[in-house]
Protein backbone atom coordinates (compact mmCIF):
# COMPACT_ATOMS: atom_id res chain seq x y z
CA MET A 1 -183.29 39.90 147.74
CA ILE A 2 -180.15 41.65 149.20
CA LYS A 3 -178.50 44.53 146.89
CA ILE A 4 -174.94 45.60 147.34
CA ASN A 5 -173.45 49.12 146.20
CA LEU A 6 -169.97 48.53 144.84
CA LEU A 7 -169.41 52.06 143.54
CA PRO A 8 -167.15 53.06 146.70
CA VAL A 9 -164.86 50.06 145.89
CA LYS A 10 -164.57 51.04 142.16
CA GLU A 11 -163.54 54.73 143.05
CA GLU A 12 -161.18 53.58 145.77
CA LYS A 13 -159.57 51.33 143.01
CA LEU A 14 -159.51 53.97 140.61
CA ILE A 15 -157.97 56.48 143.07
CA ASN A 16 -155.10 53.96 143.93
CA GLU A 17 -154.39 53.23 140.22
CA ALA A 18 -154.14 56.89 139.75
CA LYS A 19 -151.86 57.40 142.67
CA GLY A 20 -149.64 54.67 141.23
CA PHE A 21 -149.73 56.34 137.81
CA LEU A 22 -148.84 59.64 139.49
CA PHE A 23 -145.89 58.07 141.56
CA ILE A 24 -144.45 56.37 138.30
CA VAL A 25 -144.81 59.66 136.63
CA ALA A 26 -142.98 61.54 139.43
CA ILE A 27 -140.15 59.05 139.35
CA SER A 28 -139.97 59.43 135.56
CA LEU A 29 -139.83 63.05 135.81
CA ALA A 30 -137.20 62.93 138.77
CA LEU A 31 -135.12 60.54 136.70
CA VAL A 32 -135.38 63.01 133.73
CA VAL A 33 -134.26 65.84 135.60
CA ALA A 34 -131.38 64.22 137.44
CA LEU A 35 -130.37 62.85 133.98
CA ALA A 36 -130.47 66.41 132.49
CA VAL A 37 -128.56 67.73 135.59
CA LEU A 38 -125.81 65.00 135.06
CA ASN A 39 -125.71 65.63 131.28
CA SER A 40 -125.49 69.31 131.99
CA SER A 41 -122.52 68.93 134.44
CA MET A 42 -120.59 66.53 131.94
CA LEU A 43 -121.28 69.15 129.19
CA VAL A 44 -119.61 71.94 131.72
CA GLU A 45 -116.55 69.70 132.50
CA ARG A 46 -116.08 68.88 128.67
CA GLU A 47 -116.36 72.55 127.98
CA ASP A 48 -113.86 73.47 130.80
CA GLU A 49 -111.57 70.49 129.48
CA SER A 50 -111.56 71.85 125.92
CA LYS A 51 -111.05 75.58 126.95
CA LYS A 52 -108.17 74.18 128.82
CA ARG A 53 -106.83 72.19 125.84
CA ILE A 54 -107.24 75.28 123.60
CA SER A 55 -105.24 77.59 126.15
CA GLU A 56 -102.46 74.88 126.07
CA ALA A 57 -102.61 74.63 122.42
CA ASP A 58 -102.58 78.75 122.27
CA LYS A 59 -99.42 78.72 124.58
CA GLU A 60 -97.86 75.99 122.32
CA ILE A 61 -98.51 78.00 119.45
CA ALA A 62 -96.90 81.06 121.00
CA ASN A 63 -93.68 79.12 122.01
CA LEU A 64 -93.34 77.72 118.49
CA LYS A 65 -93.83 81.25 116.92
CA THR A 66 -91.18 82.25 119.43
CA ILE A 67 -88.91 79.39 118.51
CA MET A 68 -89.41 80.08 114.77
CA GLY A 69 -88.38 84.00 115.44
CA GLU A 70 -85.33 82.99 117.09
CA ILE A 71 -84.47 80.57 114.20
CA LYS A 72 -85.08 83.33 111.54
CA SER A 73 -82.93 85.68 113.48
CA LEU A 74 -79.83 83.22 113.70
CA LYS A 75 -80.40 82.23 110.09
CA ALA A 76 -79.76 85.91 109.24
CA LYS A 77 -76.90 86.29 111.82
CA LYS A 78 -75.29 83.16 109.84
CA ALA A 79 -75.79 84.74 106.39
CA LYS A 80 -74.17 87.95 107.51
CA LEU A 81 -71.30 86.20 109.00
CA GLN A 82 -70.83 84.12 106.05
CA GLU A 83 -70.91 87.25 103.97
CA LYS A 84 -68.09 88.72 106.04
CA MET A 85 -66.16 85.70 105.97
CA ASP A 86 -66.40 85.39 101.89
CA MET A 87 -65.31 89.00 101.85
CA ILE A 88 -62.32 88.23 103.95
CA VAL A 89 -61.39 85.49 101.68
CA ARG A 90 -61.63 87.43 98.60
CA LEU A 91 -59.47 90.06 100.25
CA GLN A 92 -56.95 87.69 101.14
CA GLU A 93 -56.84 86.20 97.86
CA GLN A 94 -56.45 89.71 96.22
CA ASN A 95 -53.87 90.59 98.42
CA VAL A 96 -51.85 87.41 99.21
CA GLY A 97 -52.89 85.51 96.12
CA PRO A 98 -50.55 87.02 93.46
CA VAL A 99 -47.62 87.04 95.96
CA ARG A 100 -48.05 83.49 96.43
CA ILE A 101 -48.51 82.64 92.94
CA LEU A 102 -45.32 84.56 91.84
CA ASP A 103 -43.36 83.02 94.74
CA GLU A 104 -44.62 79.52 93.64
CA LEU A 105 -43.76 80.22 90.07
CA SER A 106 -40.02 81.34 90.92
CA LEU A 107 -39.65 77.80 92.72
CA LYS A 108 -40.89 75.91 89.70
CA ILE A 109 -38.49 77.12 87.33
CA PRO A 110 -36.18 74.08 87.00
CA SER A 111 -32.93 75.58 86.05
CA ASN A 112 -31.02 78.64 85.08
CA LYS A 113 -31.27 77.51 81.46
CA ILE A 114 -34.76 79.03 81.30
CA TRP A 115 -36.34 82.16 82.35
CA LEU A 116 -39.38 84.37 82.25
CA ASN A 117 -39.37 88.02 80.72
CA ASP A 118 -43.03 88.91 81.32
CA ILE A 119 -46.01 87.55 82.93
CA SER A 120 -49.57 88.62 82.81
CA LEU A 121 -52.27 87.65 85.58
CA ASN A 122 -55.80 88.32 84.71
CA GLY A 123 -58.19 87.00 87.43
CA LYS A 124 -57.49 83.01 87.59
CA ASN A 125 -55.68 83.07 84.33
CA MET A 126 -51.94 83.50 83.64
CA SER A 127 -49.92 84.11 80.40
CA MET A 128 -46.24 84.16 80.41
CA ASN A 129 -43.38 84.55 77.88
CA GLY A 130 -39.74 83.70 78.17
CA ASN A 131 -36.49 82.21 76.72
CA THR A 132 -34.72 78.90 77.17
CA LEU A 133 -31.67 77.21 75.95
CA GLU A 134 -33.36 73.74 75.41
CA ASN A 135 -36.57 72.48 74.71
CA GLN A 136 -36.37 69.81 77.18
CA GLU A 137 -36.34 72.57 79.99
CA VAL A 138 -39.73 74.00 78.85
CA ALA A 139 -41.12 70.37 79.37
CA ASN A 140 -39.64 70.12 82.68
CA PHE A 141 -41.09 73.54 83.68
CA MET A 142 -44.60 72.62 82.54
CA LYS A 143 -44.12 69.34 84.75
CA GLN A 144 -43.37 71.41 87.52
CA LEU A 145 -46.25 73.66 87.21
CA GLU A 146 -48.56 70.61 86.79
CA ASN A 147 -47.21 69.21 90.11
CA SER A 148 -47.97 72.37 91.88
CA LEU A 149 -51.18 73.04 93.84
CA PHE A 150 -51.46 76.61 92.80
CA PHE A 151 -51.46 76.01 88.80
CA SER A 152 -53.80 74.00 86.34
CA ARG A 153 -54.55 73.76 82.74
CA ILE A 154 -50.95 74.27 81.70
CA ASN A 155 -51.09 75.11 77.80
CA LEU A 156 -47.87 75.70 75.69
CA LYS A 157 -48.93 78.01 73.03
CA LYS A 158 -45.54 78.13 70.97
CA VAL A 159 -41.68 77.59 71.08
CA THR A 160 -39.76 79.36 68.17
CA LYS A 161 -36.31 80.22 67.56
CA ASN A 162 -35.02 83.54 68.79
CA LYS A 163 -32.08 85.62 68.22
CA ALA A 164 -28.79 84.30 69.45
CA VAL A 165 -27.22 86.26 72.47
CA LYS A 166 -23.28 86.37 72.25
CA GLY A 167 -23.33 83.52 70.05
CA VAL A 168 -25.76 81.27 71.93
CA PRO A 169 -29.04 80.33 70.20
CA LEU A 170 -32.04 80.84 72.28
CA LEU A 171 -35.61 79.43 72.20
CA ALA A 172 -38.50 81.91 72.83
CA PHE A 173 -41.54 80.11 74.18
CA SER A 174 -45.30 81.34 75.52
CA MET A 175 -47.76 79.54 77.60
CA ASN A 176 -51.09 80.18 79.58
CA THR A 177 -52.21 78.39 82.62
CA GLY A 178 -54.92 78.58 85.25
CA VAL A 179 -54.07 79.69 88.54
CA HIS A 180 -55.42 78.89 92.25
CA PRO A 181 -54.41 81.62 94.95
CA THR A 182 -55.53 79.37 97.81
CA GLY A 183 -54.21 76.13 96.30
CA ARG A 184 -56.21 73.16 94.93
CA LYS A 185 -57.32 70.50 97.42
CA LYS A 186 -55.67 67.70 95.36
CA VAL A 187 -53.54 67.30 92.60
CA GLY A 188 -54.89 65.20 89.48
CA PRO A 189 -53.00 62.51 87.68
CA LYS A 190 -49.81 63.64 86.14
CA LYS A 191 -49.96 64.12 82.53
CA LYS A 192 -46.92 63.07 80.26
CA VAL A 193 -45.65 66.24 78.52
CA ALA A 194 -43.95 65.78 75.22
CA PRO A 195 -40.64 67.71 74.72
CA ALA A 196 -41.12 70.95 72.78
CA THR A 197 -40.03 71.16 69.20
CA ALA A 198 -38.87 74.30 67.90
CA LYS A 199 -40.54 75.84 65.06
CA GLN A 200 -38.36 77.81 62.46
CA THR A 201 -39.28 81.46 61.92
CA LYS A 202 -38.64 83.53 59.08
CA LYS A 203 -36.16 86.40 59.39
């Protein structure tokens, strides 16, 4: 009977399997290392890109802050300029306004049958007293004032009989009105003014 020893064949087979396993492990490790290196490289690129974007955002914020500062400066300059312009307008109204108002008032007196004795100007309100020969002249005077760009809210307070001068009977009147030193932009609808009626006064 012949006996064969198979032990060396089994050992060789085991060695070959071990070599194959080690080869697979080595390849797996190489792949893991390669993936780790690739992932690290990608992370570095992303970090660099993020830093670049952050830097650009910081520059944009700095530019916006500069622009906002310039806008605030321009607003402040505009406010100061507007204040100066308003002051100039007020000074013009104070200096030129009364002269224009009085000039306009003299132009609106309809005839030599009516005249003013005294005028009082308080801010944007004026009161006046005068004499006339006829009631209709007072009504005409009020119409002229209503058609002017410098007067508004004409209010006739009273018309009374006054003392006669050289035998000529006179009527005394008083009225108040609003004034506009720089003129109104437009004239409102004309109002019908009824002729003034003289009131009897006790002597």
